[in-house]
N, C-alpha and C. Protein backbone atom coordinates (compact mmCIF):
# COMPACT_ATOMS: atom_id res chain seq x y z
N MET A 1 -45.06 78.51 18.00
CA MET A 1 -44.87 76.72 17.80
C MET A 1 -45.59 75.99 18.58
N ARG A 2 -45.74 76.48 19.85
CA ARG A 2 -46.61 75.72 20.77
C ARG A 2 -47.78 75.28 20.25
N ILE A 3 -48.34 76.71 19.80
CA ILE A 3 -49.98 76.62 18.80
C ILE A 3 -49.94 75.86 17.83
N ALA A 4 -48.77 75.73 17.15
CA ALA A 4 -48.83 74.77 15.85
C ALA A 4 -48.95 73.48 16.30
N LEU A 5 -48.18 73.15 17.08
CA LEU A 5 -47.85 71.59 17.88
C LEU A 5 -49.29 71.39 18.44
N PHE A 6 -49.60 72.33 18.92
CA PHE A 6 -51.10 71.72 19.26
C PHE A 6 -52.41 71.79 18.44
N ILE A 7 -52.05 72.11 17.07
CA ILE A 7 -53.35 71.91 16.30
C ILE A 7 -52.86 70.50 15.48
N VAL A 8 -51.48 70.17 14.97
CA VAL A 8 -51.32 69.00 15.00
C VAL A 8 -51.73 68.02 15.53
N PHE A 9 -51.21 67.80 17.11
CA PHE A 9 -51.90 66.82 17.80
C PHE A 9 -52.87 66.89 17.64
N PHE A 10 -53.86 67.87 18.01
CA PHE A 10 -55.95 67.85 17.76
C PHE A 10 -56.25 67.24 16.58
N PHE A 11 -55.71 67.44 15.11
CA PHE A 11 -56.06 67.03 14.38
C PHE A 11 -55.76 65.79 13.67
N ALA A 12 -54.47 64.92 14.51
CA ALA A 12 -53.98 63.31 14.90
C ALA A 12 -55.09 62.76 15.76
N ALA A 13 -55.61 63.33 17.01
CA ALA A 13 -56.22 62.47 17.59
C ALA A 13 -57.30 62.59 17.45
N THR A 14 -57.95 63.30 16.05
CA THR A 14 -59.33 63.21 15.85
C THR A 14 -59.32 62.77 14.81
N PHE A 15 -58.81 62.72 13.71
CA PHE A 15 -58.45 61.91 12.13
C PHE A 15 -57.99 60.90 12.46
N GLY A 16 -56.90 60.45 13.40
CA GLY A 16 -56.00 59.61 13.21
C GLY A 16 -56.39 57.97 13.23
N PHE A 17 -57.47 57.87 13.36
CA PHE A 17 -57.89 56.74 13.08
C PHE A 17 -58.73 56.38 12.34
N SER A 18 -57.96 55.54 11.46
CA SER A 18 -59.41 55.17 10.34
C SER A 18 -60.38 54.01 10.30
N GLN A 19 -61.28 53.90 9.60
CA GLN A 19 -62.69 53.85 9.94
C GLN A 19 -62.60 52.27 9.27
N HIS A 20 -63.05 51.50 9.89
CA HIS A 20 -63.39 50.01 9.52
C HIS A 20 -65.10 49.38 9.62
N VAL A 21 -65.19 48.58 8.61
CA VAL A 21 -66.25 47.99 8.44
C VAL A 21 -66.82 47.25 9.55
N TYR A 22 -67.36 46.75 10.40
CA TYR A 22 -67.09 46.12 11.48
C TYR A 22 -68.67 45.13 11.37
N VAL A 23 -68.67 43.82 11.26
CA VAL A 23 -69.12 42.97 11.02
C VAL A 23 -69.19 41.98 12.42
N GLY A 24 -70.33 42.26 13.52
CA GLY A 24 -70.43 41.27 14.82
C GLY A 24 -71.22 40.26 14.90
N ARG A 25 -71.55 39.98 15.53
CA ARG A 25 -72.48 38.82 15.61
C ARG A 25 -72.67 38.46 17.22
N VAL A 26 -74.17 38.10 17.99
CA VAL A 26 -74.31 38.43 19.07
C VAL A 26 -74.78 36.73 19.36
N CYS A 27 -74.35 36.18 19.86
CA CYS A 27 -75.67 34.69 20.83
C CYS A 27 -75.64 34.57 22.42
N ASP A 28 -76.11 33.99 22.46
CA ASP A 28 -76.76 33.40 23.83
C ASP A 28 -75.84 32.91 24.45
N LYS A 29 -75.29 33.27 26.01
CA LYS A 29 -73.85 32.98 26.65
C LYS A 29 -74.19 31.59 26.73
N GLU A 30 -75.25 31.51 27.16
CA GLU A 30 -75.47 29.86 27.73
C GLU A 30 -75.54 28.90 25.75
N THR A 31 -76.44 28.43 25.45
CA THR A 31 -77.06 28.13 24.17
C THR A 31 -76.32 28.09 23.12
N LYS A 32 -75.25 29.62 23.10
CA LYS A 32 -74.56 29.67 22.14
C LYS A 32 -75.18 29.76 20.60
N GLN A 33 -76.55 29.63 20.95
CA GLN A 33 -77.58 30.48 19.58
C GLN A 33 -77.24 31.99 19.23
N PRO A 34 -77.52 32.22 18.25
CA PRO A 34 -77.99 33.52 17.86
C PRO A 34 -78.85 34.20 18.32
N LEU A 35 -79.15 35.51 18.41
CA LEU A 35 -79.53 36.47 18.68
C LEU A 35 -80.50 37.48 18.04
N ARG A 36 -82.06 37.31 17.57
CA ARG A 36 -82.05 38.62 16.99
C ARG A 36 -82.67 39.66 17.53
N ASN A 37 -82.71 40.46 16.94
CA ASN A 37 -83.27 42.15 17.20
C ASN A 37 -82.51 42.33 18.58
N VAL A 38 -81.34 42.24 18.32
CA VAL A 38 -80.69 42.73 19.32
C VAL A 38 -79.80 44.13 19.38
N LEU A 39 -80.01 45.14 19.83
CA LEU A 39 -79.89 46.52 20.11
C LEU A 39 -79.01 47.07 20.05
N ILE A 40 -77.90 47.14 19.00
CA ILE A 40 -76.54 47.45 18.85
C ILE A 40 -76.46 49.02 18.87
N ARG A 41 -75.98 49.96 19.81
CA ARG A 41 -76.37 51.17 19.99
C ARG A 41 -74.18 51.58 19.76
N LEU A 42 -74.30 52.78 19.01
CA LEU A 42 -72.54 53.17 18.52
C LEU A 42 -73.02 54.86 18.74
N ASP A 43 -72.54 55.58 19.86
CA ASP A 43 -72.84 56.91 19.71
C ASP A 43 -74.45 57.36 19.69
N SER A 44 -74.89 57.73 18.98
CA SER A 44 -76.32 58.06 18.33
C SER A 44 -76.72 57.32 17.72
N SER A 45 -75.98 56.16 16.99
CA SER A 45 -76.44 55.05 16.26
C SER A 45 -77.02 54.35 16.34
N VAL A 46 -78.13 53.43 15.80
CA VAL A 46 -78.66 52.17 16.25
C VAL A 46 -78.96 51.60 15.28
N THR A 47 -78.38 50.02 15.46
CA THR A 47 -79.07 48.77 14.57
C THR A 47 -79.42 48.02 15.51
N TYR A 48 -79.87 46.46 14.46
CA TYR A 48 -80.15 45.49 15.31
C TYR A 48 -79.61 44.36 14.54
N THR A 49 -79.46 43.54 15.34
CA THR A 49 -79.24 42.03 14.50
C THR A 49 -80.03 41.44 13.99
N ASN A 50 -79.81 40.40 12.94
CA ASN A 50 -80.72 40.31 11.70
C ASN A 50 -80.86 38.48 12.34
N ALA A 51 -81.70 37.69 11.67
CA ALA A 51 -82.23 36.48 12.11
C ALA A 51 -80.66 35.55 12.72
N ALA A 52 -79.84 35.74 12.04
CA ALA A 52 -78.85 34.86 12.05
C ALA A 52 -77.80 35.75 13.08
N GLY A 53 -77.69 36.91 13.73
CA GLY A 53 -76.95 37.31 14.62
C GLY A 53 -76.35 38.42 14.86
N PHE A 54 -76.22 38.46 13.29
CA PHE A 54 -75.23 39.56 12.82
C PHE A 54 -76.03 40.78 12.63
N PHE A 55 -74.55 41.63 12.56
CA PHE A 55 -74.94 43.26 12.46
C PHE A 55 -73.76 43.89 11.58
N GLN A 56 -73.96 45.01 11.25
CA GLN A 56 -72.74 45.45 10.89
C GLN A 56 -72.83 47.07 10.98
N VAL A 57 -71.84 47.83 11.38
CA VAL A 57 -71.53 48.67 11.52
C VAL A 57 -70.34 49.83 11.32
N VAL A 58 -70.45 50.86 10.64
CA VAL A 58 -68.77 51.66 10.54
C VAL A 58 -68.28 52.76 11.56
N ALA A 59 -66.89 52.38 11.72
CA ALA A 59 -66.72 53.07 13.33
C ALA A 59 -64.85 52.69 13.04
N ASP A 60 -64.01 53.56 14.31
CA ASP A 60 -62.90 53.72 14.44
C ASP A 60 -62.52 52.70 15.80
N THR A 61 -61.56 52.20 15.82
CA THR A 61 -60.81 51.63 16.83
C THR A 61 -61.25 52.49 18.53
N THR A 62 -61.59 53.67 18.28
CA THR A 62 -61.95 54.41 19.57
C THR A 62 -63.04 54.52 20.09
N LYS A 63 -64.03 53.06 19.45
CA LYS A 63 -65.44 53.30 19.76
C LYS A 63 -65.64 52.37 20.79
N VAL A 64 -66.94 51.99 21.31
CA VAL A 64 -67.44 51.12 22.13
C VAL A 64 -68.72 50.77 21.76
N LEU A 65 -68.91 49.83 21.28
CA LEU A 65 -70.61 49.45 21.33
C LEU A 65 -70.92 49.09 22.71
N VAL A 66 -72.29 49.10 22.45
CA VAL A 66 -73.56 48.83 23.29
C VAL A 66 -74.52 48.13 22.74
N ALA A 67 -74.63 46.60 23.43
CA ALA A 67 -75.54 45.29 22.96
C ALA A 67 -76.44 45.31 24.10
N GLU A 68 -77.83 45.49 23.51
CA GLU A 68 -79.10 45.68 24.70
C GLU A 68 -80.38 44.84 24.03
N MET A 69 -80.87 43.97 25.16
CA MET A 69 -81.57 43.16 24.93
C MET A 69 -82.47 42.77 25.82
N GLU A 70 -83.93 42.95 25.75
CA GLU A 70 -84.78 42.78 27.23
C GLU A 70 -84.79 41.18 27.79
N GLY A 71 -84.14 41.52 28.73
CA GLY A 71 -84.17 40.17 29.77
C GLY A 71 -82.69 39.36 29.12
N TYR A 72 -81.74 39.96 28.82
CA TYR A 72 -80.58 39.94 29.25
C TYR A 72 -79.24 41.27 29.73
N GLU A 73 -78.29 40.78 30.03
CA GLU A 73 -77.79 41.42 30.57
C GLU A 73 -77.00 42.58 29.37
N LYS A 74 -76.77 43.73 29.66
CA LYS A 74 -76.15 44.90 28.62
C LYS A 74 -74.42 44.65 28.74
N VAL A 75 -73.97 44.86 27.27
CA VAL A 75 -72.60 44.47 27.28
C VAL A 75 -71.90 45.75 26.66
N LEU A 76 -70.77 46.06 26.98
CA LEU A 76 -70.14 47.13 26.72
C LEU A 76 -69.11 46.14 26.01
N TYR A 77 -68.64 46.58 24.17
CA TYR A 77 -67.72 45.64 23.43
C TYR A 77 -66.67 46.68 23.54
N PRO A 78 -65.59 46.76 23.51
CA PRO A 78 -64.77 47.50 22.81
C PRO A 78 -64.42 47.36 21.18
N LEU A 79 -64.28 48.09 20.28
CA LEU A 79 -63.93 47.67 18.95
C LEU A 79 -62.51 47.53 19.12
N SER A 80 -61.78 46.91 18.18
CA SER A 80 -60.27 47.14 18.11
C SER A 80 -60.00 46.79 16.08
N ASP A 81 -58.78 46.47 15.92
CA ASP A 81 -58.49 45.89 14.43
C ASP A 81 -59.31 45.21 14.29
N VAL A 82 -59.70 44.40 14.62
CA VAL A 82 -60.31 43.27 14.02
C VAL A 82 -61.77 43.42 13.72
N ASP A 83 -61.75 43.23 11.94
CA ASP A 83 -63.09 43.80 12.02
C ASP A 83 -64.19 42.80 11.53
N ARG A 84 -64.28 41.10 12.20
CA ARG A 84 -65.25 40.44 12.39
C ARG A 84 -64.87 39.84 13.87
N PHE A 85 -66.18 39.62 14.50
CA PHE A 85 -66.07 39.22 15.95
C PHE A 85 -66.76 38.88 16.40
N LEU A 86 -67.60 37.64 17.32
CA LEU A 86 -68.66 37.22 18.16
C LEU A 86 -68.22 37.68 19.62
N PHE A 87 -69.49 37.94 20.21
CA PHE A 87 -69.62 38.10 21.63
C PHE A 87 -70.86 37.18 21.98
N TYR A 88 -70.97 36.92 23.57
CA TYR A 88 -71.92 36.10 24.22
C TYR A 88 -72.92 37.72 24.59
N ILE A 89 -73.80 37.24 25.30
CA ILE A 89 -74.49 38.09 26.58
C ILE A 89 -75.27 36.81 27.02
N ARG A 90 -75.25 37.37 28.02
CA ARG A 90 -76.32 36.69 29.54
C ARG A 90 -77.39 37.17 30.05
N ARG A 91 -78.74 35.57 29.25
CA ARG A 91 -80.14 35.93 29.69
C ARG A 91 -80.09 36.16 31.32
N LEU A 92 -81.02 36.89 31.73
CA LEU A 92 -81.34 37.24 33.01
C LEU A 92 -82.34 36.39 33.36
N GLU A 93 -82.41 35.73 34.58
CA GLU A 93 -83.51 35.00 35.10
C GLU A 93 -84.51 35.96 35.91
N SER A 94 -85.86 35.71 35.52
CA SER A 94 -86.65 36.41 36.21
C SER A 94 -87.23 35.48 37.22
N GLU A 95 -88.65 36.49 37.60
CA GLU A 95 -89.30 36.06 38.92
C GLU A 95 -89.74 34.31 37.73
N SER A 96 -91.03 35.48 37.36
CA SER A 96 -91.42 34.27 36.72
C SER A 96 -90.65 33.01 36.06
N ASP A 97 -89.67 33.39 35.49
CA ASP A 97 -88.90 31.83 35.17
C ASP A 97 -88.77 30.77 36.33
N HIS A 98 -88.55 31.61 37.69
CA HIS A 98 -88.40 30.33 38.89
C HIS A 98 -89.59 29.95 38.83
N LEU A 99 -90.68 30.49 38.66
CA LEU A 99 -92.13 30.08 38.71
C LEU A 99 -92.23 28.69 37.94
N MET A 100 -92.02 29.23 36.55
CA MET A 100 -92.29 27.92 35.61
C MET A 100 -91.43 27.04 35.94
N ALA A 101 -90.17 27.13 36.60
CA ALA A 101 -89.01 25.94 36.33
C ALA A 101 -89.77 25.11 37.65
N LYS A 102 -90.50 25.89 38.90
CA LYS A 102 -90.85 24.97 39.95
C LYS A 102 -92.10 24.22 39.45
N SER A 103 -92.79 24.88 38.76
CA SER A 103 -94.22 24.20 37.97
C SER A 103 -93.58 22.82 37.10
N PHE A 104 -92.58 23.00 36.69
CA PHE A 104 -91.56 22.11 35.47
C PHE A 104 -91.36 20.94 36.62
N TYR A 105 -91.07 21.27 37.79
CA TYR A 105 -89.99 20.31 38.16
C TYR A 105 -91.36 19.57 39.25
N THR A 106 -92.03 20.27 39.67
CA THR A 106 -93.45 19.81 40.14
C THR A 106 -94.39 18.92 39.80
N PHE A 107 -94.45 19.19 38.71
CA PHE A 107 -94.96 18.02 37.11
C PHE A 107 -93.96 16.79 37.77
N PHE A 108 -93.13 16.70 37.60
CA PHE A 108 -92.10 15.69 37.27
C PHE A 108 -92.49 14.72 38.73
N GLY A 109 -92.09 15.32 39.57
CA GLY A 109 -92.46 15.10 40.76
C GLY A 109 -93.86 14.16 41.23
N GLU A 110 -94.71 14.91 40.40
CA GLU A 110 -95.93 14.27 41.04
C GLU A 110 -96.28 13.25 39.85
N ASN A 111 -95.75 13.45 39.01
CA ASN A 111 -96.44 12.09 37.99
C ASN A 111 -95.38 10.75 37.64
N ILE A 112 -94.09 11.25 37.98
CA ILE A 112 -93.41 10.09 37.64
C ILE A 112 -92.81 8.81 38.40
N LYS A 113 -92.61 7.74 37.92
CA LYS A 113 -93.20 6.71 38.63
C LYS A 113 -91.78 5.45 38.83
N TYR A 114 -91.68 5.29 39.72
CA TYR A 114 -90.04 3.81 39.68
C TYR A 114 -90.85 2.61 38.91
N PRO A 115 -90.68 2.39 37.82
CA PRO A 115 -91.42 1.66 37.31
C PRO A 115 -91.35 -0.20 38.04
N ILE A 116 -92.31 -0.96 38.50
CA ILE A 116 -91.98 -2.29 39.28
C ILE A 116 -91.24 -2.79 38.99
N THR A 117 -91.03 -3.23 37.24
CA THR A 117 -90.13 -4.17 37.15
C THR A 117 -88.62 -4.00 37.48
N ALA A 118 -88.20 -2.94 37.57
CA ALA A 118 -87.14 -2.20 37.33
C ALA A 118 -86.76 -2.59 39.20
N ARG A 119 -87.44 -2.01 40.03
CA ARG A 119 -87.61 -2.12 41.52
C ARG A 119 -87.52 -3.65 41.86
N ARG A 120 -87.96 -4.65 41.16
CA ARG A 120 -87.82 -6.14 42.02
C ARG A 120 -86.73 -6.53 41.11
N ALA A 121 -86.11 -6.07 40.07
CA ALA A 121 -84.62 -6.44 39.51
C ALA A 121 -83.44 -5.42 40.05
N GLY A 122 -83.86 -4.37 41.25
CA GLY A 122 -82.76 -3.89 41.62
C GLY A 122 -82.00 -2.95 40.75
N ASN A 123 -82.68 -2.42 39.95
CA ASN A 123 -82.32 -1.11 38.56
C ASN A 123 -81.98 -0.02 38.98
N GLN A 124 -80.89 0.27 39.02
CA GLN A 124 -81.17 2.09 39.41
C GLN A 124 -79.93 2.74 38.54
N GLY A 125 -79.90 3.62 38.54
CA GLY A 125 -78.98 4.24 37.55
C GLY A 125 -78.93 5.98 37.60
N THR A 126 -78.64 6.48 36.26
CA THR A 126 -78.95 7.80 35.67
C THR A 126 -79.85 7.63 34.11
N VAL A 127 -80.65 8.36 34.24
CA VAL A 127 -81.00 8.51 32.53
C VAL A 127 -80.88 9.34 32.00
N LEU A 128 -80.62 9.95 30.82
CA LEU A 128 -80.34 11.02 30.13
C LEU A 128 -81.60 10.99 29.48
N VAL A 129 -81.93 12.24 28.85
CA VAL A 129 -82.55 12.35 27.70
C VAL A 129 -83.04 13.55 27.26
N TYR A 130 -82.47 13.69 25.41
CA TYR A 130 -82.16 15.01 25.08
C TYR A 130 -83.20 15.51 24.60
N PHE A 131 -83.92 16.44 24.82
CA PHE A 131 -85.40 17.05 24.24
C PHE A 131 -85.06 18.48 23.19
N GLU A 132 -86.27 18.95 22.43
CA GLU A 132 -86.08 20.30 21.40
C GLU A 132 -87.48 20.76 21.98
N THR A 133 -87.94 21.85 21.89
CA THR A 133 -89.04 22.64 22.18
C THR A 133 -89.13 23.22 21.34
N ASP A 134 -90.34 23.43 20.70
CA ASP A 134 -91.33 23.92 19.56
C ASP A 134 -91.06 25.34 19.86
N THR A 135 -91.95 26.07 19.05
CA THR A 135 -92.43 27.61 18.92
C THR A 135 -92.84 27.88 20.04
N LEU A 136 -93.80 26.86 20.63
CA LEU A 136 -95.00 26.95 21.83
C LEU A 136 -94.33 26.45 23.11
N GLY A 137 -92.63 25.88 23.41
CA GLY A 137 -92.20 25.60 24.65
C GLY A 137 -92.66 24.36 24.60
N LYS A 138 -93.02 23.60 23.72
CA LYS A 138 -93.61 22.44 24.17
C LYS A 138 -92.69 21.16 23.50
N VAL A 139 -92.68 20.26 24.73
CA VAL A 139 -91.00 19.40 24.40
C VAL A 139 -91.54 18.53 22.82
N THR A 140 -90.03 18.44 21.92
CA THR A 140 -90.69 17.50 20.74
C THR A 140 -88.64 16.72 20.37
N ASN A 141 -88.89 15.95 20.00
CA ASN A 141 -87.45 15.15 19.52
C ASN A 141 -87.18 14.68 20.49
N THR A 142 -87.40 13.98 21.46
CA THR A 142 -86.96 13.26 22.92
C THR A 142 -86.28 12.23 22.04
N LYS A 143 -85.03 11.90 22.75
CA LYS A 143 -83.93 10.42 22.71
C LYS A 143 -83.42 10.67 23.86
N ILE A 144 -83.58 9.18 24.02
CA ILE A 144 -82.25 8.59 25.10
C ILE A 144 -81.12 8.69 24.83
N THR A 145 -80.16 9.06 25.45
CA THR A 145 -79.05 9.26 25.63
C THR A 145 -78.21 8.43 26.05
N ALA A 146 -78.89 8.11 27.56
CA ALA A 146 -77.80 6.99 28.21
C ALA A 146 -79.39 6.45 29.20
N ARG A 147 -79.59 4.82 29.13
CA ARG A 147 -80.46 4.26 29.61
C ARG A 147 -80.42 3.20 31.24
N VAL A 148 -81.43 3.49 31.27
CA VAL A 148 -81.71 2.57 32.46
C VAL A 148 -82.86 1.43 32.53
N SER A 149 -82.22 0.22 32.53
CA SER A 149 -82.99 -0.90 32.09
C SER A 149 -84.44 -0.87 33.14
N GLY A 150 -85.22 -1.83 32.75
CA GLY A 150 -86.40 -1.99 33.62
C GLY A 150 -87.41 -1.17 33.40
N GLY A 151 -87.34 -0.61 32.10
CA GLY A 151 -88.92 0.85 32.11
C GLY A 151 -88.14 2.36 32.54
N CYS A 152 -87.22 1.98 32.98
CA CYS A 152 -86.82 3.66 33.88
C CYS A 152 -86.99 4.79 32.66
N SER A 153 -86.14 4.40 31.60
CA SER A 153 -86.09 5.45 30.48
C SER A 153 -87.07 5.81 29.67
N GLU A 154 -88.24 4.56 29.51
CA GLU A 154 -89.33 4.70 28.91
C GLU A 154 -90.32 5.92 29.85
N GLU A 155 -89.85 5.81 31.23
CA GLU A 155 -90.98 6.16 32.36
C GLU A 155 -90.77 7.98 32.15
N VAL A 156 -88.89 8.03 32.14
CA VAL A 156 -89.18 9.85 32.05
C VAL A 156 -89.14 9.81 30.69
N VAL A 157 -89.33 9.22 29.54
CA VAL A 157 -89.90 9.91 28.52
C VAL A 157 -91.50 10.39 28.57
N ARG A 158 -92.08 9.16 28.72
CA ARG A 158 -93.40 9.21 28.82
C ARG A 158 -93.79 10.41 29.51
N VAL A 159 -93.75 10.73 31.06
CA VAL A 159 -93.51 12.26 31.38
C VAL A 159 -93.28 13.58 30.73
N LEU A 160 -91.91 13.33 30.29
CA LEU A 160 -91.68 14.30 29.67
C LEU A 160 -92.66 14.83 28.19
N ARG A 161 -92.96 13.95 27.68
CA ARG A 161 -93.66 14.32 26.62
C ARG A 161 -94.91 15.00 27.12
N LYS A 162 -95.54 14.76 28.33
CA LYS A 162 -96.88 15.62 28.92
C LYS A 162 -96.40 16.99 29.60
N ALA A 163 -95.07 16.80 29.63
CA ALA A 163 -94.63 17.84 30.53
C ALA A 163 -95.33 19.15 30.52
N PRO A 164 -95.55 20.51 31.37
CA PRO A 164 -95.69 21.80 30.64
C PRO A 164 -95.36 22.38 29.66
N GLU A 165 -95.29 23.74 29.46
CA GLU A 165 -94.02 24.16 28.65
C GLU A 165 -92.91 24.31 29.09
N VAL A 166 -92.02 24.59 28.54
CA VAL A 166 -90.63 24.56 29.34
C VAL A 166 -90.29 25.98 29.51
N TRP A 167 -89.89 26.50 30.50
CA TRP A 167 -90.00 27.72 30.72
C TRP A 167 -88.89 28.50 30.46
N TYR A 168 -87.76 28.54 29.65
CA TYR A 168 -87.10 29.27 28.69
C TYR A 168 -87.60 29.75 27.86
N GLN A 169 -88.55 30.71 27.90
CA GLN A 169 -89.10 31.66 27.01
C GLN A 169 -88.31 32.34 26.02
N ILE A 170 -87.53 32.81 26.33
CA ILE A 170 -86.63 32.99 25.19
C ILE A 170 -85.61 32.20 24.56
N LYS A 171 -85.88 30.93 25.11
CA LYS A 171 -84.91 29.78 24.62
C LYS A 171 -85.97 28.87 23.87
N LYS A 172 -86.88 28.87 22.99
CA LYS A 172 -87.43 28.52 22.02
C LYS A 172 -86.54 27.87 21.20
N ASN A 173 -87.14 26.49 20.29
CA ASN A 173 -85.90 26.06 19.67
C ASN A 173 -84.75 25.59 20.14
N ASN A 174 -84.66 25.31 21.28
CA ASN A 174 -83.26 25.20 21.80
C ASN A 174 -83.07 23.71 22.09
N LYS A 175 -81.76 23.19 22.22
CA LYS A 175 -81.63 21.90 22.81
C LYS A 175 -81.49 21.56 24.23
N PHE A 176 -81.90 20.29 25.13
CA PHE A 176 -81.66 20.40 26.41
C PHE A 176 -81.59 18.73 26.72
N VAL A 177 -80.61 18.58 28.01
CA VAL A 177 -80.52 17.04 28.19
C VAL A 177 -80.93 16.95 30.17
N ILE A 178 -81.83 16.25 30.06
CA ILE A 178 -82.50 16.47 31.46
C ILE A 178 -82.14 14.88 31.54
N PRO A 179 -81.14 15.02 33.27
CA PRO A 179 -80.98 13.68 34.05
C PRO A 179 -81.39 12.96 34.93
N VAL A 180 -81.90 11.92 35.44
CA VAL A 180 -82.95 11.57 35.74
C VAL A 180 -82.57 10.30 36.89
N VAL A 181 -82.28 10.25 37.94
CA VAL A 181 -81.98 9.74 38.95
C VAL A 181 -82.86 9.14 39.49
N PHE A 182 -82.21 7.31 39.40
CA PHE A 182 -83.29 6.18 39.51
C PHE A 182 -82.65 5.60 41.01
N LYS A 183 -82.77 5.64 42.06
CA LYS A 183 -82.38 4.95 43.24
C LYS A 183 -83.11 4.02 44.16
N LEU A 184 -83.07 3.08 44.96
CA LEU A 184 -83.29 2.43 45.69
C LEU A 184 -82.68 2.46 46.92
N GLY A 185 -83.55 2.56 47.69
CA GLY A 185 -83.84 2.80 49.09
C GLY A 185 -82.32 4.09 49.47
N ASP A 186 -81.64 4.17 50.68
CA ASP A 186 -80.69 4.81 51.32
C ASP A 186 -79.44 4.96 50.31
N SER A 187 -79.21 4.13 48.91
CA SER A 187 -78.14 3.92 48.39
C SER A 187 -77.70 5.44 47.65
N ILE A 188 -76.38 5.21 47.58
CA ILE A 188 -75.98 6.72 46.87
C ILE A 188 -75.90 6.49 45.36
N SER A 189 -76.76 7.35 44.31
CA SER A 189 -76.69 7.13 43.06
C SER A 189 -76.15 8.11 42.72
N PRO A 190 -74.87 8.73 42.57
CA PRO A 190 -74.58 9.75 41.85
C PRO A 190 -74.76 9.96 40.19
N ILE A 191 -75.05 11.15 39.85
CA ILE A 191 -75.09 10.69 38.04
C ILE A 191 -73.55 10.82 37.54
N GLU A 192 -73.57 10.02 36.66
CA GLU A 192 -72.40 9.57 35.97
C GLU A 192 -71.89 10.90 35.58
N ASN A 193 -70.19 10.75 35.49
CA ASN A 193 -69.66 12.18 34.99
C ASN A 193 -70.35 12.51 33.10
N ILE A 194 -70.78 13.35 32.88
CA ILE A 194 -71.03 13.58 31.26
C ILE A 194 -69.79 14.43 31.13
N ASP A 195 -69.91 14.03 29.78
CA ASP A 195 -68.81 14.58 29.11
C ASP A 195 -69.36 15.95 27.87
N LYS A 196 -69.31 16.91 29.43
CA LYS A 196 -69.68 18.32 28.63
C LYS A 196 -69.43 18.68 27.14
N THR A 197 -68.30 18.39 26.97
CA THR A 197 -67.76 18.38 25.40
C THR A 197 -69.09 18.21 24.73
N THR A 198 -69.72 17.40 24.43
CA THR A 198 -70.88 17.04 23.59
C THR A 198 -72.07 17.70 24.29
N LEU A 199 -71.92 18.45 24.82
CA LEU A 199 -73.19 19.44 25.20
C LEU A 199 -73.39 20.63 24.29
N VAL A 200 -72.12 21.19 23.41
CA VAL A 200 -72.15 22.53 22.68
C VAL A 200 -73.40 22.74 22.45
N GLY A 201 -74.08 23.95 22.59
CA GLY A 201 -74.86 23.88 21.97
C GLY A 201 -76.52 23.78 22.97
N VAL A 202 -76.23 22.56 24.46
CA VAL A 202 -77.07 22.11 25.08
C VAL A 202 -77.69 22.60 26.41
N VAL A 203 -78.58 22.87 26.65
CA VAL A 203 -78.67 23.07 27.87
C VAL A 203 -79.00 22.21 28.63
N LEU A 204 -77.89 22.19 29.82
CA LEU A 204 -77.90 20.72 30.97
C LEU A 204 -79.17 20.92 32.12
N LEU A 205 -80.02 20.49 32.15
CA LEU A 205 -80.87 20.78 33.09
C LEU A 205 -80.37 20.07 34.69
N PRO A 206 -80.96 20.89 35.73
CA PRO A 206 -80.71 20.32 36.97
C PRO A 206 -81.40 18.53 36.90
N GLU A 207 -80.53 17.86 37.67
CA GLU A 207 -81.27 16.38 37.86
C GLU A 207 -82.86 16.06 38.61
N ILE A 208 -83.26 15.71 38.35
CA ILE A 208 -84.56 14.95 39.13
C ILE A 208 -84.07 13.44 39.94
N VAL A 209 -84.44 13.22 41.12
CA VAL A 209 -84.05 12.27 41.84
C VAL A 209 -85.60 11.52 41.86
N VAL A 210 -85.45 10.01 41.58
CA VAL A 210 -86.69 8.99 41.85
C VAL A 210 -86.43 8.15 42.70
N ALA A 211 -86.67 8.01 43.90
CA ALA A 211 -85.91 7.33 45.27
C ALA A 211 -87.59 6.25 45.45
N ALA A 212 -87.00 4.73 45.53
CA ALA A 212 -88.11 3.68 45.69
C ALA A 212 -87.06 2.88 46.95
N TYR A 213 -88.17 2.06 47.65
CA TYR A 213 -87.57 0.79 48.05
C TYR A 213 -88.33 -0.65 47.74
N THR A 214 -87.41 -1.39 47.62
CA THR A 214 -87.85 -2.78 47.21
C THR A 214 -88.37 -3.52 48.50
N ARG A 215 -88.89 -4.38 47.91
CA ARG A 215 -90.25 -4.90 48.80
C ARG A 215 -89.88 -6.34 48.72
């Protein structure tokens, strides 16, 4: 009897989980953009995501997917009864990212000026500029979303259009917003509250502060 029960249990445990056709999608955790060529490992089988971030596997609910891509964290995703799912993986920053970020902000610091007209008029505040990058990482499609008068907004766009390649090497063709704070003297000019619900799929970059003294 014990042998018979063991055999029944063995077959139930081995073959009792039905197979599912799973359709998954992998996106960047920060930008929410789909990721192509993410390696999807399931036991000994391997597949890759397509240009839209989708992949398909056949498995049961006891399995755990492994998602891997160079420059990103490895993710383990336990399968369930849900046949369609979406999950995000986080990009890992490298030393080259930090060096390129430093170069980007150094360029801004060395080239941006506080317009004379704005200084004389006492204009200060935060300029928000939206932009995208092309396949070479160059800035394109700039648009001012929050202005400071006296030429401040135009000055940010002028420098941004001449900026070196954006350092998010794997995030090309993504959308960004950069805040540039113009302040006079020792006054405190914090960044205005930004409604982050409007920034879905947009990377909000660290702010740049441009300070000057009136004459």
